[in-house]
Amino acid sequence: DLDRARVAADEHGYADVPVAASLEELVDRS
């Protein structure tokens, strides 16, 4: 749930942290 990930990141002070629906989407660029 991308919306849940974005909300959770923002609520915990990670507004600049990328979110994704799969691990594969973030492995290379993180």
All heavy atoms as atom14 arrays in JSON, in Angstrom:
{
  "sequence": "DLDRARVAADEHGYADVPVAASLEELVDRS",
  "atom14_mask": [
    [1, 1, 1, 1, 1, 1, 1, 1, 0, 0, 0, 0, 0, 0],
    [1, 1, 1, 1, 1, 1, 1, 1, 0, 0, 0, 0, 0, 0],
    [1, 1, 1, 1, 1, 1, 1, 1, 0, 0, 0, 0, 0, 0],
    [1, 1, 1, 1, 1, 1, 1, 1, 1, 1, 1, 0, 0, 0],
    [1, 1, 1, 1, 1, 0, 0, 0, 0, 0, 0, 0, 0, 0],
    [1, 1, 1, 1, 1, 1, 1, 1, 1, 1, 1, 0, 0, 0],
    [1, 1, 1, 1, 1, 1, 1, 0, 0, 0, 0, 0, 0, 0],
    [1, 1, 1, 1, 1, 0, 0, 0, 0, 0, 0, 0, 0, 0],
    [1, 1, 1, 1, 1, 0, 0, 0, 0, 0, 0, 0, 0, 0],
    [1, 1, 1, 1, 1, 1, 1, 1, 0, 0, 0, 0, 0, 0],
    [1, 1, 1, 1, 1, 1, 1, 1, 1, 0, 0, 0, 0, 0],
    [1, 1, 1, 1, 1, 1, 1, 1, 1, 1, 0, 0, 0, 0],
    [1, 1, 1, 1, 0, 0, 0, 0, 0, 0, 0, 0, 0, 0],
    [1, 1, 1, 1, 1, 1, 1, 1, 1, 1, 1, 1, 0, 0],
    [1, 1, 1, 1, 1, 0, 0, 0, 0, 0, 0, 0, 0, 0],
    [1, 1, 1, 1, 1, 1, 1, 1, 0, 0, 0, 0, 0, 0],
    [1, 1, 1, 1, 1, 1, 1, 0, 0, 0, 0, 0, 0, 0],
    [1, 1, 1, 1, 1, 1, 1, 0, 0, 0, 0, 0, 0, 0],
    [1, 1, 1, 1, 1, 1, 1, 0, 0, 0, 0, 0, 0, 0],
    [1, 1, 1, 1, 1, 0, 0, 0, 0, 0, 0, 0, 0, 0],
    [1, 1, 1, 1, 1, 0, 0, 0, 0, 0, 0, 0, 0, 0],
    [1, 1, 1, 1, 1, 1, 0, 0, 0, 0, 0, 0, 0, 0],
    [1, 1, 1, 1, 1, 1, 1, 1, 0, 0, 0, 0, 0, 0],
    [1, 1, 1, 1, 1, 1, 1, 1, 1, 0, 0, 0, 0, 0],
    [1, 1, 1, 1, 1, 1, 1, 1, 1, 0, 0, 0, 0, 0],
    [1, 1, 1, 1, 1, 1, 1, 1, 0, 0, 0, 0, 0, 0],
    [1, 1, 1, 1, 1, 1, 1, 0, 0, 0, 0, 0, 0, 0],
    [1, 1, 1, 1, 1, 1, 1, 1, 0, 0, 0, 0, 0, 0],
    [1, 1, 1, 1, 1, 1, 1, 1, 1, 1, 1, 0, 0, 0],
    [1, 1, 1, 1, 1, 1, 0, 0, 0, 0, 0, 0, 0, 0]
  ],
  "atom14_positions": [
    [[0.86, -1.18, 0.0], [0.0, 0.0, 0.0], [0.9, 1.24, 0.0], [1.41, 1.65, 1.03], [-0.89, -0.02, 1.24], [-1.93, 1.1, 1.24], [-1.68, 2.13, 0.6], [-2.97, 0.94, 1.9], [0.0, 0.0, 0.0], [0.0, 0.0, 0.0], [0.0, 0.0, 0.0], [0.0, 0.0, 0.0], [0.0, 0.0, 0.0], [0.0, 0.0, 0.0]],
    [[1.08, 1.83, -1.17], [1.99, 2.96, -1.31], [1.56, 4.16, -0.46], [2.4, 4.86, 0.12], [2.07, 3.4, -2.77], [3.19, 2.78, -3.62], [3.1, 3.3, -5.04], [4.56, 3.11, -3.02], [0.0, 0.0, 0.0], [0.0, 0.0, 0.0], [0.0, 0.0, 0.0], [0.0, 0.0, 0.0], [0.0, 0.0, 0.0], [0.0, 0.0, 0.0]],
    [[0.26, 4.39, -0.38], [-0.23, 5.51, 0.43], [0.12, 5.3, 1.9], [0.53, 6.24, 2.59], [-1.75, 5.67, 0.26], [-2.13, 6.15, -1.12], [-1.28, 6.79, -1.78], [-3.29, 5.92, -1.54], [0.0, 0.0, 0.0], [0.0, 0.0, 0.0], [0.0, 0.0, 0.0], [0.0, 0.0, 0.0], [0.0, 0.0, 0.0], [0.0, 0.0, 0.0]],
    [[-0.04, 4.08, 2.38], [0.3, 3.79, 3.77], [1.79, 4.0, 4.01], [2.19, 4.55, 5.04], [-0.11, 2.36, 4.14], [0.26, 1.99, 5.57], [-0.41, 0.7, 6.01], [0.02, -0.45, 5.22], [-0.45, -1.68, 5.39], [-1.39, -1.92, 6.3], [-0.01, -2.69, 4.65], [0.0, 0.0, 0.0], [0.0, 0.0, 0.0], [0.0, 0.0, 0.0]],
    [[2.61, 3.56, 3.05], [4.06, 3.74, 3.2], [4.42, 5.22, 3.26], [5.23, 5.63, 4.1], [4.77, 3.06, 2.03], [0.0, 0.0, 0.0], [0.0, 0.0, 0.0], [0.0, 0.0, 0.0], [0.0, 0.0, 0.0], [0.0, 0.0, 0.0], [0.0, 0.0, 0.0], [0.0, 0.0, 0.0], [0.0, 0.0, 0.0], [0.0, 0.0, 0.0]],
    [[3.81, 6.03, 2.39], [4.14, 7.45, 2.37], [3.71, 8.14, 3.67], [4.45, 8.96, 4.23], [3.44, 8.11, 1.19], [3.78, 9.57, 0.92], [5.21, 9.75, 0.45], [6.18, 9.92, 1.5], [7.49, 9.76, 1.35], [7.98, 9.42, 0.18], [8.32, 9.94, 2.36], [0.0, 0.0, 0.0], [0.0, 0.0, 0.0], [0.0, 0.0, 0.0]],
    [[2.52, 7.8, 4.14], [2.02, 8.39, 5.38], [2.91, 8.0, 6.55], [3.28, 8.83, 7.39], [0.56, 7.97, 5.64], [0.13, 8.36, 7.05], [-0.37, 8.63, 4.62], [0.0, 0.0, 0.0], [0.0, 0.0, 0.0], [0.0, 0.0, 0.0], [0.0, 0.0, 0.0], [0.0, 0.0, 0.0], [0.0, 0.0, 0.0], [0.0, 0.0, 0.0]],
    [[3.27, 6.71, 6.62], [4.11, 6.24, 7.72], [5.47, 6.91, 7.7], [5.99, 7.33, 8.74], [4.27, 4.72, 7.63], [0.0, 0.0, 0.0], [0.0, 0.0, 0.0], [0.0, 0.0, 0.0], [0.0, 0.0, 0.0], [0.0, 0.0, 0.0], [0.0, 0.0, 0.0], [0.0, 0.0, 0.0], [0.0, 0.0, 0.0], [0.0, 0.0, 0.0]],
    [[6.07, 7.02, 6.52], [7.38, 7.68, 6.42], [7.28, 9.14, 6.86], [8.12, 9.62, 7.64], [7.89, 7.59, 4.98], [0.0, 0.0, 0.0], [0.0, 0.0, 0.0], [0.0, 0.0, 0.0], [0.0, 0.0, 0.0], [0.0, 0.0, 0.0], [0.0, 0.0, 0.0], [0.0, 0.0, 0.0], [0.0, 0.0, 0.0], [0.0, 0.0, 0.0]],
    [[6.27, 9.85, 6.39], [6.11, 11.26, 6.74], [5.88, 11.44, 8.24], [6.45, 12.35, 8.86], [4.96, 11.87, 5.95], [5.24, 11.95, 4.45], [6.41, 11.75, 4.05], [4.28, 12.2, 3.69], [0.0, 0.0, 0.0], [0.0, 0.0, 0.0], [0.0, 0.0, 0.0], [0.0, 0.0, 0.0], [0.0, 0.0, 0.0], [0.0, 0.0, 0.0]],
    [[5.04, 10.58, 8.82], [4.71, 10.71, 10.24], [5.91, 10.49, 11.14], [5.95, 11.0, 12.26], [3.6, 9.72, 10.61], [2.22, 10.1, 10.12], [1.16, 9.11, 10.54], [1.54, 8.01, 11.02], [-0.02, 9.42, 10.4], [0.0, 0.0, 0.0], [0.0, 0.0, 0.0], [0.0, 0.0, 0.0], [0.0, 0.0, 0.0], [0.0, 0.0, 0.0]],
    [[6.9, 9.74, 10.67], [8.05, 9.42, 11.51], [9.29, 10.23, 11.11], [10.41, 9.87, 11.46], [8.34, 7.92, 11.44], [7.3, 7.09, 12.13], [6.16, 6.67, 11.5], [7.22, 6.63, 13.42], [5.41, 5.98, 12.34], [6.03, 5.95, 13.5], [0.0, 0.0, 0.0], [0.0, 0.0, 0.0], [0.0, 0.0, 0.0], [0.0, 0.0, 0.0]],
    [[9.07, 11.31, 10.38], [10.16, 12.22, 10.07], [11.0, 11.83, 8.87], [12.14, 12.29, 8.74], [0.0, 0.0, 0.0], [0.0, 0.0, 0.0], [0.0, 0.0, 0.0], [0.0, 0.0, 0.0], [0.0, 0.0, 0.0], [0.0, 0.0, 0.0], [0.0, 0.0, 0.0], [0.0, 0.0, 0.0], [0.0, 0.0, 0.0], [0.0, 0.0, 0.0]],
    [[10.44, 11.01, 7.97], [11.19, 10.55, 6.8], [10.55, 11.06, 5.51], [10.35, 10.31, 4.56], [11.25, 9.03, 6.79], [12.02, 8.43, 7.95], [11.37, 7.67, 8.91], [13.39, 8.62, 8.06], [12.07, 7.1, 9.96], [14.1, 8.07, 9.12], [13.43, 7.31, 10.07], [14.15, 6.75, 11.13], [0.0, 0.0, 0.0], [0.0, 0.0, 0.0]],
    [[10.24, 12.34, 5.49], [9.56, 12.9, 4.32], [10.4, 12.8, 3.06], [9.87, 12.74, 1.94], [9.2, 14.37, 4.59], [0.0, 0.0, 0.0], [0.0, 0.0, 0.0], [0.0, 0.0, 0.0], [0.0, 0.0, 0.0], [0.0, 0.0, 0.0], [0.0, 0.0, 0.0], [0.0, 0.0, 0.0], [0.0, 0.0, 0.0], [0.0, 0.0, 0.0]],
    [[11.73, 12.77, 3.18], [12.6, 12.71, 2.01], [12.99, 11.29, 1.62], [13.72, 11.1, 0.63], [13.88, 13.52, 2.29], [13.61, 15.0, 2.5], [12.63, 15.5, 1.91], [14.36, 15.64, 3.26], [0.0, 0.0, 0.0], [0.0, 0.0, 0.0], [0.0, 0.0, 0.0], [0.0, 0.0, 0.0], [0.0, 0.0, 0.0], [0.0, 0.0, 0.0]],
    [[12.51, 10.31, 2.38], [12.87, 8.92, 2.11], [11.93, 8.35, 1.04], [10.71, 8.5, 1.13], [12.79, 8.08, 3.4], [12.89, 6.58, 3.09], [13.9, 8.48, 4.37], [0.0, 0.0, 0.0], [0.0, 0.0, 0.0], [0.0, 0.0, 0.0], [0.0, 0.0, 0.0], [0.0, 0.0, 0.0], [0.0, 0.0, 0.0], [0.0, 0.0, 0.0]],
    [[12.48, 7.68, 0.01], [11.62, 7.13, -1.04], [10.81, 5.94, -0.55], [11.24, 5.19, 0.33], [12.62, 6.7, -2.12], [13.89, 6.45, -1.39], [13.91, 7.45, -0.27], [0.0, 0.0, 0.0], [0.0, 0.0, 0.0], [0.0, 0.0, 0.0], [0.0, 0.0, 0.0], [0.0, 0.0, 0.0], [0.0, 0.0, 0.0], [0.0, 0.0, 0.0]],
    [[9.62, 5.78, -1.12], [8.77, 4.63, -0.83], [8.47, 3.9, -2.13], [8.56, 4.48, -3.22], [7.47, 5.04, -0.13], [7.75, 5.77, 1.17], [6.59, 5.89, -1.05], [0.0, 0.0, 0.0], [0.0, 0.0, 0.0], [0.0, 0.0, 0.0], [0.0, 0.0, 0.0], [0.0, 0.0, 0.0], [0.0, 0.0, 0.0], [0.0, 0.0, 0.0]],
    [[8.14, 2.61, -2.0], [7.84, 1.81, -3.19], [6.95, 0.65, -2.78], [6.82, 0.32, -1.6], [9.12, 1.3, -3.84], [0.0, 0.0, 0.0], [0.0, 0.0, 0.0], [0.0, 0.0, 0.0], [0.0, 0.0, 0.0], [0.0, 0.0, 0.0], [0.0, 0.0, 0.0], [0.0, 0.0, 0.0], [0.0, 0.0, 0.0], [0.0, 0.0, 0.0]],
    [[6.36, 0.02, -3.79], [5.48, -1.12, -3.53], [6.23, -2.44, -3.54], [5.68, -3.48, -3.2], [4.35, -1.16, -4.57], [0.0, 0.0, 0.0], [0.0, 0.0, 0.0], [0.0, 0.0, 0.0], [0.0, 0.0, 0.0], [0.0, 0.0, 0.0], [0.0, 0.0, 0.0], [0.0, 0.0, 0.0], [0.0, 0.0, 0.0], [0.0, 0.0, 0.0]],
    [[7.51, -2.42, -3.94], [8.29, -3.66, -3.96], [9.74, -3.36, -3.61], [10.24, -2.25, -3.85], [8.22, -4.34, -5.33], [8.92, -3.58, -6.3], [0.0, 0.0, 0.0], [0.0, 0.0, 0.0], [0.0, 0.0, 0.0], [0.0, 0.0, 0.0], [0.0, 0.0, 0.0], [0.0, 0.0, 0.0], [0.0, 0.0, 0.0], [0.0, 0.0, 0.0]],
    [[10.4, -4.35, -3.06], [11.81, -4.21, -2.71], [12.66, -3.93, -3.94], [13.59, -3.11, -3.92], [12.28, -5.5, -2.01], [13.7, -5.55, -1.49], [13.9, -4.54, -0.37], [14.02, -6.96, -0.98], [0.0, 0.0, 0.0], [0.0, 0.0, 0.0], [0.0, 0.0, 0.0], [0.0, 0.0, 0.0], [0.0, 0.0, 0.0], [0.0, 0.0, 0.0]],
    [[12.33, -4.6, -5.04], [13.12, -4.47, -6.27], [13.21, -3.03, -6.75], [14.22, -2.61, -7.31], [12.49, -5.35, -7.36], [12.62, -6.85, -7.12], [11.63, -7.37, -6.09], [10.74, -6.61, -5.67], [11.76, -8.55, -5.68], [0.0, 0.0, 0.0], [0.0, 0.0, 0.0], [0.0, 0.0, 0.0], [0.0, 0.0, 0.0], [0.0, 0.0, 0.0]],
    [[12.15, -2.24, -6.52], [12.12, -0.87, -7.0], [13.13, 0.02, -6.3], [13.55, 1.05, -6.84], [10.72, -0.28, -6.8], [9.64, -0.93, -7.65], [8.27, -0.35, -7.34], [8.12, 0.89, -7.42], [7.35, -1.12, -7.0], [0.0, 0.0, 0.0], [0.0, 0.0, 0.0], [0.0, 0.0, 0.0], [0.0, 0.0, 0.0], [0.0, 0.0, 0.0]],
    [[13.53, -0.36, -5.06], [14.39, 0.52, -4.28], [15.82, 0.03, -4.12], [16.7, 0.81, -3.75], [13.79, 0.73, -2.88], [12.55, 1.6, -2.77], [12.14, 1.76, -1.31], [12.77, 2.96, -3.4], [0.0, 0.0, 0.0], [0.0, 0.0, 0.0], [0.0, 0.0, 0.0], [0.0, 0.0, 0.0], [0.0, 0.0, 0.0], [0.0, 0.0, 0.0]],
    [[16.07, -1.24, -4.39], [17.4, -1.8, -4.12], [18.49, -1.03, -4.84], [19.49, -0.62, -4.23], [17.44, -3.29, -4.5], [18.88, -3.78, -4.55], [16.65, -4.12, -3.51], [0.0, 0.0, 0.0], [0.0, 0.0, 0.0], [0.0, 0.0, 0.0], [0.0, 0.0, 0.0], [0.0, 0.0, 0.0], [0.0, 0.0, 0.0], [0.0, 0.0, 0.0]],
    [[18.34, -0.8, -6.12], [19.41, -0.2, -6.91], [19.63, 1.27, -6.58], [20.76, 1.75, -6.53], [19.12, -0.35, -8.41], [19.23, -1.8, -8.86], [19.96, -2.56, -8.2], [18.59, -2.15, -9.86], [0.0, 0.0, 0.0], [0.0, 0.0, 0.0], [0.0, 0.0, 0.0], [0.0, 0.0, 0.0], [0.0, 0.0, 0.0], [0.0, 0.0, 0.0]],
    [[18.55, 2.01, -6.31], [18.71, 3.45, -6.12], [18.85, 3.87, -4.66], [19.09, 5.05, -4.39], [17.55, 4.21, -6.77], [16.17, 3.9, -6.28], [15.14, 4.56, -7.21], [13.77, 4.31, -6.85], [13.01, 5.17, -6.17], [13.52, 6.33, -5.77], [11.76, 4.89, -5.89], [0.0, 0.0, 0.0], [0.0, 0.0, 0.0], [0.0, 0.0, 0.0]],
    [[18.76, 2.94, -3.74], [18.84, 3.32, -2.33], [20.22, 3.12, -1.73], [20.51, 3.64, -0.67], [17.84, 2.48, -1.51], [18.23, 1.11, -1.52], [0.0, 0.0, 0.0], [0.0, 0.0, 0.0], [0.0, 0.0, 0.0], [0.0, 0.0, 0.0], [0.0, 0.0, 0.0], [0.0, 0.0, 0.0], [0.0, 0.0, 0.0], [0.0, 0.0, 0.0]]
  ]
}
